[in-house]
PDB file of N, CA and C in Angstrom:
ATOM      1  N   UNK A   1      92.841 119.916 119.344  1.00  0.00           N
ATOM      2  CA  UNK A   1      94.125 120.207 118.754  1.00  0.00           C
ATOM      3  C   UNK A   1      95.071 119.043 119.011  1.00  0.00           C
ATOM      4  N   UNK A   2      95.954 118.812 118.055  1.00  0.00           N
ATOM      5  CA  UNK A   2      96.971 117.774 118.180  1.00  0.00           C
ATOM      6  C   UNK A   2      98.314 118.374 117.796  1.00  0.00           C
ATOM      7  N   UNK A   3      99.365 117.713 118.252  1.00  0.00           N
ATOM      8  CA  UNK A   3     100.723 118.112 117.886  1.00  0.00           C
ATOM      9  C   UNK A   3     101.435 116.920 117.288  1.00  0.00           C
ATOM     10  N   UNK A   4     102.154 117.166 116.197  1.00  0.00           N
ATOM     11  CA  UNK A   4     102.951 116.134 115.550  1.00  0.00           C
ATOM     12  C   UNK A   4     104.342 116.708 115.299  1.00  0.00           C
ATOM     13  N   UNK A   5     105.358 115.861 115.440  1.00  0.00           N
ATOM     14  CA  UNK A   5     106.729 116.262 115.149  1.00  0.00           C
ATOM     15  C   UNK A   5     107.244 115.410 113.999  1.00  0.00           C
ATOM     16  N   UNK A   6     107.686 116.086 112.938  1.00  0.00           N
ATOM     17  CA  UNK A   6     108.226 115.418 111.761  1.00  0.00           C
ATOM     18  C   UNK A   6     109.746 115.455 111.799  1.00  0.00           C
ATOM     19  N   UNK A   7     110.370 114.371 111.369  1.00  0.00           N
ATOM     20  CA  UNK A   7     111.804 114.345 111.110  1.00  0.00           C
ATOM     21  C   UNK A   7     111.963 114.657 109.630  1.00  0.00           C
ATOM     22  N   UNK A   8     112.782 115.680 109.328  1.00  0.00           N
ATOM     23  CA  UNK A   8     112.877 116.167 107.957  1.00  0.00           C
ATOM     24  C   UNK A   8     114.335 116.204 107.501  1.00  0.00           C
ATOM     25  N   UNK A   9     114.574 115.669 106.323  1.00  0.00           N
ATOM     26  CA  UNK A   9     115.896 115.743 105.695  1.00  0.00           C
ATOM     27  C   UNK A   9     115.849 116.780 104.578  1.00  0.00           C
ATOM     28  N   UNK A  10     116.993 117.369 104.296  1.00  0.00           N
ATOM     29  CA  UNK A  10     117.084 118.321 103.194  1.00  0.00           C
ATOM     30  C   UNK A  10     117.133 119.768 103.620  1.00  0.00           C
ATOM     31  N   UNK A  11     117.018 120.027 104.920  1.00  0.00           N
ATOM     32  CA  UNK A  11     117.186 121.400 105.399  1.00  0.00           C
ATOM     33  C   UNK A  11     118.685 121.673 105.478  1.00  0.00           C
ATOM     34  N   UNK A  12     119.123 122.705 104.776  1.00  0.00           N
ATOM     35  CA  UNK A  12     120.549 123.018 104.727  1.00  0.00           C
ATOM     36  C   UNK A  12     120.939 124.245 105.544  1.00  0.00           C
ATOM     37  N   UNK A  13     119.919 124.977 106.025  1.00  0.00           N
ATOM     38  CA  UNK A  13     120.203 126.197 106.785  1.00  0.00           C
ATOM     39  C   UNK A  13     118.931 126.634 107.513  1.00  0.00           C
ATOM     40  N   UNK A  14     119.040 127.696 108.291  1.00  0.00           N
ATOM     41  CA  UNK A  14     117.868 128.223 108.999  1.00  0.00           C
ATOM     42  C   UNK A  14     116.844 128.781 108.026  1.00  0.00           C
ATOM     43  N   UNK A  15     117.300 129.209 106.853  1.00  0.00           N
ATOM     44  CA  UNK A  15     116.366 129.688 105.830  1.00  0.00           C
ATOM     45  C   UNK A  15     115.424 128.585 105.379  1.00  0.00           C
ATOM     46  N   UNK A  16     115.944 127.361 105.290  1.00  0.00           N
ATOM     47  CA  UNK A  16     115.098 126.211 104.933  1.00  0.00           C
ATOM     48  C   UNK A  16     114.016 126.008 105.991  1.00  0.00           C
ATOM     49  N   UNK A  17     114.377 126.117 107.240  1.00  0.00           N
ATOM     50  CA  UNK A  17     113.396 125.979 108.325  1.00  0.00           C
ATOM     51  C   UNK A  17     112.325 127.056 108.207  1.00  0.00           C
ATOM     52  N   UNK A  18     112.723 128.257 107.833  1.00  0.00           N
ATOM     53  CA  UNK A  18     111.770 129.362 107.656  1.00  0.00           C
ATOM     54  C   UNK A  18     110.821 129.068 106.502  1.00  0.00           C
ATOM     55  N   UNK A  19     111.331 128.508 105.415  1.00  0.00           N
ATOM     56  CA  UNK A  19     110.487 128.147 104.265  1.00  0.00           C
ATOM     57  C   UNK A  19     109.449 127.117 104.676  1.00  0.00           C
ATOM     58  N   UNK A  20     109.862 126.098 105.404  1.00  0.00           N
ATOM     59  CA  UNK A  20     108.928 125.062 105.853  1.00  0.00           C
ATOM     60  C   UNK A  20     107.851 125.669 106.753  1.00  0.00           C
ATOM     61  N   UNK A  21     108.258 126.531 107.662  1.00  0.00           N
ATOM     62  CA  UNK A  21     107.287 127.196 108.542  1.00  0.00           C
ATOM     63  C   UNK A  21     106.274 127.971 107.718  1.00  0.00           C
ATOM     64  N   UNK A  22     106.738 128.707 106.713  1.00  0.00           N
ATOM     65  CA  UNK A  22     105.832 129.508 105.882  1.00  0.00           C
ATOM     66  C   UNK A  22     104.867 128.617 105.101  1.00  0.00           C
ATOM     67  N   UNK A  23     105.367 127.515 104.548  1.00  0.00           N
ATOM     68  CA  UNK A  23     104.501 126.586 103.820  1.00  0.00           C
ATOM     69  C   UNK A  23     103.395 126.052 104.719  1.00  0.00           C
ATOM     70  N   UNK A  24     103.759 125.631 105.913  1.00  0.00           N
ATOM     71  CA  UNK A  24     102.776 125.031 106.821  1.00  0.00           C
ATOM     72  C   UNK A  24     101.811 126.058 107.390  1.00  0.00           C
ATOM     73  N   UNK A  25     102.275 127.267 107.661  1.00  0.00           N
ATOM     74  CA  UNK A  25     101.402 128.281 108.253  1.00  0.00           C
ATOM     75  C   UNK A  25     100.271 128.678 107.309  1.00  0.00           C
ATOM     76  N   UNK A  26     100.439 128.442 106.016  1.00  0.00           N
ATOM     77  CA  UNK A  26      99.384 128.739 105.044  1.00  0.00           C
ATOM     78  C   UNK A  26      98.371 127.608 104.932  1.00  0.00           C
ATOM     79  N   UNK A  27      98.621 126.496 105.578  1.00  0.00           N
ATOM     80  CA  UNK A  27      97.743 125.329 105.488  1.00  0.00           C
ATOM     81  C   UNK A  27      96.554 125.462 106.424  1.00  0.00           C
ATOM     82  N   UNK A  28      95.405 125.015 105.948  1.00  0.00           N
ATOM     83  CA  UNK A  28      94.189 125.037 106.771  1.00  0.00           C
ATOM     84  C   UNK A  28      94.386 124.177 108.009  1.00  0.00           C
ATOM     85  N   UNK A  29      93.941 124.684 109.130  1.00  0.00           N
ATOM     86  CA  UNK A  29      93.983 123.916 110.368  1.00  0.00           C
ATOM     87  C   UNK A  29      95.268 124.024 111.160  1.00  0.00           C
ATOM     88  N   UNK A  30      96.294 124.636 110.599  1.00  0.00           N
ATOM     89  CA  UNK A  30      97.571 124.764 111.307  1.00  0.00           C
ATOM     90  C   UNK A  30      97.510 125.969 112.228  1.00  0.00           C
ATOM     91  N   UNK A  31      97.835 125.756 113.489  1.00  0.00           N
ATOM     92  CA  UNK A  31      97.795 126.832 114.483  1.00  0.00           C
ATOM     93  C   UNK A  31      99.183 127.370 114.820  1.00  0.00           C
ATOM     94  N   UNK A  32     100.185 126.469 114.864  1.00  0.00           N
ATOM     95  CA  UNK A  32     101.534 126.896 115.236  1.00  0.00           C
ATOM     96  C   UNK A  32     102.539 125.940 114.607  1.00  0.00           C
ATOM     97  N   UNK A  33     103.674 126.509 114.163  1.00  0.00           N
ATOM     98  CA  UNK A  33     104.733 125.701 113.555  1.00  0.00           C
ATOM     99  C   UNK A  33     106.067 126.130 114.134  1.00  0.00           C
ATOM    100  N   UNK A  34     106.901 125.145 114.428  1.00  0.00           N
ATOM    101  CA  UNK A  34     108.266 125.406 114.874  1.00  0.00           C
ATOM    102  C   UNK A  34     109.181 124.454 114.116  1.00  0.00           C
ATOM    103  N   UNK A  35     110.098 125.008 113.313  1.00  0.00           N
ATOM    104  CA  UNK A  35     111.035 124.182 112.544  1.00  0.00           C
ATOM    105  C   UNK A  35     112.449 124.465 113.023  1.00  0.00           C
ATOM    106  N   UNK A  36     113.242 123.406 113.200  1.00  0.00           N
ATOM    107  CA  UNK A  36     114.620 123.536 113.670  1.00  0.00           C
ATOM    108  C   UNK A  36     115.571 122.888 112.666  1.00  0.00           C
ATOM    109  N   UNK A  37     116.378 123.715 112.017  1.00  0.00           N
ATOM    110  CA  UNK A  37     117.405 123.205 111.111  1.00  0.00           C
ATOM    111  C   UNK A  37     118.400 122.353 111.885  1.00  0.00           C
ATOM    112  N   UNK A  38     118.833 122.825 113.044  1.00  0.00           N
ATOM    113  CA  UNK A  38     119.844 122.114 113.839  1.00  0.00           C
ATOM    114  C   UNK A  38     119.405 120.698 114.216  1.00  0.00           C
ATOM    115  N   UNK A  39     118.133 120.545 114.553  1.00  0.00           N
ATOM    116  CA  UNK A  39     117.620 119.249 114.994  1.00  0.00           C
ATOM    117  C   UNK A  39     117.007 118.431 113.861  1.00  0.00           C
ATOM    118  N   UNK A  40     116.707 119.079 112.726  1.00  0.00           N
ATOM    119  CA  UNK A  40     116.040 118.389 111.624  1.00  0.00           C
ATOM    120  C   UNK A  40     114.611 118.019 111.956  1.00  0.00           C
ATOM    121  N   UNK A  41     113.969 118.849 112.793  1.00  0.00           N
ATOM    122  CA  UNK A  41     112.607 118.559 113.252  1.00  0.00           C
ATOM    123  C   UNK A  41     111.655 119.706 112.933  1.00  0.00           C
ATOM    124  N   UNK A  42     110.411 119.351 112.684  1.00  0.00           N
ATOM    125  CA  UNK A  42     109.344 120.331 112.479  1.00  0.00           C
ATOM    126  C   UNK A  42     108.177 119.911 113.359  1.00  0.00           C
ATOM    127  N   UNK A  43     107.772 120.794 114.241  1.00  0.00           N
ATOM    128  CA  UNK A  43     106.674 120.506 115.173  1.00  0.00           C
ATOM    129  C   UNK A  43     105.473 121.361 114.780  1.00  0.00           C
ATOM    130  N   UNK A  44     104.309 120.717 114.681  1.00  0.00           N
ATOM    131  CA  UNK A  44     103.113 121.400 114.192  1.00  0.00           C
ATOM    132  C   UNK A  44     101.946 121.166 115.158  1.00  0.00           C
ATOM    133  N   UNK A  45     101.313 122.245 115.561  1.00  0.00           N
ATOM    134  CA  UNK A  45     100.063 122.199 116.320  1.00  0.00           C
ATOM    135  C   UNK A  45      98.948 122.418 115.301  1.00  0.00           C
ATOM    136  N   UNK A  46      98.021 121.452 115.211  1.00  0.00           N
ATOM    137  CA  UNK A  46      97.010 121.532 114.162  1.00  0.00           C
ATOM    138  C   UNK A  46      95.660 121.005 114.636  1.00  0.00           C
ATOM    139  N   UNK A  47      94.630 121.365 113.877  1.00  0.00           N
ATOM    140  CA  UNK A  47      93.273 120.900 114.137  1.00  0.00           C
ATOM    141  C   UNK A  47      93.014 119.692 113.232  1.00  0.00           C
ATOM    142  N   UNK A  48      92.876 118.495 113.799  1.00  0.00           N
ATOM    143  CA  UNK A  48      92.701 117.297 112.984  1.00  0.00           C
ATOM    144  C   UNK A  48      91.389 117.257 112.197  1.00  0.00           C
ATOM    145  N   UNK A  49      90.467 118.169 112.485  1.00  0.00           N
ATOM    146  CA  UNK A  49      89.228 118.234 111.706  1.00  0.00           C
ATOM    147  C   UNK A  49      89.438 118.980 110.397  1.00  0.00           C
ATOM    148  N   UNK A  50      90.559 119.724 110.285  1.00  0.00           N
ATOM    149  CA  UNK A  50      90.818 120.515 109.088  1.00  0.00           C
ATOM    150  C   UNK A  50      91.994 120.020 108.258  1.00  0.00           C
ATOM    151  N   UNK A  51      92.830 119.180 108.823  1.00  0.00           N
ATOM    152  CA  UNK A  51      93.986 118.661 108.095  1.00  0.00           C
ATOM    153  C   UNK A  51      94.422 117.350 108.732  1.00  0.00           C
ATOM    154  N   UNK A  52      95.351 116.676 108.070  1.00  0.00           N
ATOM    155  CA  UNK A  52      95.832 115.394 108.581  1.00  0.00           C
ATOM    156  C   UNK A  52      97.354 115.382 108.571  1.00  0.00           C
ATOM    157  N   UNK A  53      97.921 114.400 109.251  1.00  0.00           N
ATOM    158  CA  UNK A  53      99.372 114.226 109.263  1.00  0.00           C
ATOM    159  C   UNK A  53      99.878 114.029 107.828  1.00  0.00           C
ATOM    160  N   UNK A  54      99.133 113.280 107.035  1.00  0.00           N
ATOM    161  CA  UNK A  54      99.519 113.022 105.652  1.00  0.00           C
ATOM    162  C   UNK A  54      99.546 114.310 104.830  1.00  0.00           C
ATOM    163  N   UNK A  55      98.549 115.168 105.027  1.00  0.00           N
ATOM    164  CA  UNK A  55      98.507 116.436 104.303  1.00  0.00           C
ATOM    165  C   UNK A  55      99.651 117.351 104.738  1.00  0.00           C
ATOM    166  N   UNK A  56      99.949 117.377 106.036  1.00  0.00           N
ATOM    167  CA  UNK A  56     101.047 118.195 106.530  1.00  0.00           C
ATOM    168  C   UNK A  56     102.374 117.702 105.963  1.00  0.00           C
ATOM    169  N   UNK A  57     102.550 116.399 105.937  1.00  0.00           N
ATOM    170  CA  UNK A  57     103.763 115.808 105.381  1.00  0.00           C
ATOM    171  C   UNK A  57     103.913 116.178 103.907  1.00  0.00           C
ATOM    172  N   UNK A  58     102.826 116.084 103.151  1.00  0.00           N
ATOM    173  CA  UNK A  58     102.855 116.441 101.726  1.00  0.00           C
ATOM    174  C   UNK A  58     103.213 117.906 101.536  1.00  0.00           C
ATOM    175  N   UNK A  59     102.731 118.764 102.407  1.00  0.00           N
ATOM    176  CA  UNK A  59     103.051 120.186 102.317  1.00  0.00           C
ATOM    177  C   UNK A  59     104.536 120.422 102.530  1.00  0.00           C
ATOM    178  N   UNK A  60     105.121 119.762 103.512  1.00  0.00           N
ATOM    179  CA  UNK A  60     106.567 119.894 103.755  1.00  0.00           C
ATOM    180  C   UNK A  60     107.333 119.433 102.524  1.00  0.00           C
ATOM    181  N   UNK A  61     106.916 118.331 101.931  1.00  0.00           N
ATOM    182  CA  UNK A  61     107.637 117.753 100.801  1.00  0.00           C
ATOM    183  C   UNK A  61     107.467 118.556  99.513  1.00  0.00           C
ATOM    184  N   UNK A  62     106.495 119.473  99.459  1.00  0.00           N
ATOM    185  CA  UNK A  62     106.356 120.374  98.315  1.00  0.00           C
ATOM    186  C   UNK A  62     107.589 121.254  98.179  1.00  0.00           C
ATOM    187  N   UNK A  63     108.220 121.530  99.298  1.00  0.00           N
ATOM    188  CA  UNK A  63     109.388 122.399  99.300  1.00  0.00           C
ATOM    189  C   UNK A  63     110.682 121.650  99.037  1.00  0.00           C
ATOM    190  N   UNK A  64     110.612 120.456  98.476  1.00  0.00           N
ATOM    191  CA  UNK A  64     111.787 119.636  98.137  1.00  0.00           C
ATOM    192  C   UNK A  64     112.512 119.106  99.371  1.00  0.00           C
ATOM    193  N   UNK A  65     111.788 118.982 100.465  1.00  0.00           N
ATOM    194  CA  UNK A  65     112.336 118.382 101.678  1.00  0.00           C
ATOM    195  C   UNK A  65     111.752 116.980 101.794  1.00  0.00           C
ATOM    196  N   UNK A  66     112.387 116.140 102.564  1.00  0.00           N
ATOM    197  CA  UNK A  66     111.932 114.755 102.691  1.00  0.00           C
ATOM    198  C   UNK A  66     111.562 114.457 104.141  1.00  0.00           C
ATOM    199  N   UNK A  67     110.330 114.059 104.350  1.00  0.00           N
ATOM    200  CA  UNK A  67     109.869 113.645 105.673  1.00  0.00           C
ATOM    201  C   UNK A  67     110.256 112.183 105.841  1.00  0.00           C
ATOM    202  N   UNK A  68     111.071 111.903 106.857  1.00  0.00           N
ATOM    203  CA  UNK A  68     111.546 110.531 107.075  1.00  0.00           C
ATOM    204  C   UNK A  68     110.844 109.844 108.240  1.00  0.00           C
ATOM    205  N   UNK A  69     110.011 110.582 108.951  1.00  0.00           N
ATOM    206  CA  UNK A  69     109.275 109.996 110.060  1.00  0.00           C
ATOM    207  C   UNK A  69     108.463 111.049 110.786  1.00  0.00           C
ATOM    208  N   UNK A  70     107.594 110.587 111.666  1.00  0.00           N
ATOM    209  CA  UNK A  70     106.833 111.507 112.514  1.00  0.00           C
ATOM    210  C   UNK A  70     106.421 110.790 113.784  1.00  0.00           C
ATOM    211  N   UNK A  71     106.109 111.595 114.769  1.00  0.00           N
ATOM    212  CA  UNK A  71     105.574 111.059 116.020  1.00  0.00           C
ATOM    213  C   UNK A  71     104.529 112.038 116.556  1.00  0.00           C
ATOM    214  N   UNK A  72     103.480 111.478 117.128  1.00  0.00           N
ATOM    215  CA  UNK A  72     102.464 112.307 117.774  1.00  0.00           C
ATOM    216  C   UNK A  72     102.956 112.670 119.152  1.00  0.00           C
ATOM    217  N   UNK A  73     102.803 113.930 119.506  1.00  0.00           N
ATOM    218  CA  UNK A  73     103.252 114.407 120.817  1.00  0.00           C
ATOM    219  C   UNK A  73     102.084 114.542 121.773  1.00  0.00           C
TER     220      UNK A  73
END
């Protein structure tokens, strides 16, 4: 398992954070998601054999949010 934290722009409220969490939780290989509107961060625990940072980023951006960076934790 790996953890990655994305910096995300475009979240306007806690509802946006909930939408991002729901999008990611449906993705293969995702075990846990925590999104914070206040911090503009999304932290994902995932199985790298089933998904990648690039795929997770694309999933976030499906919801009209913009990933501006990430770091492995």
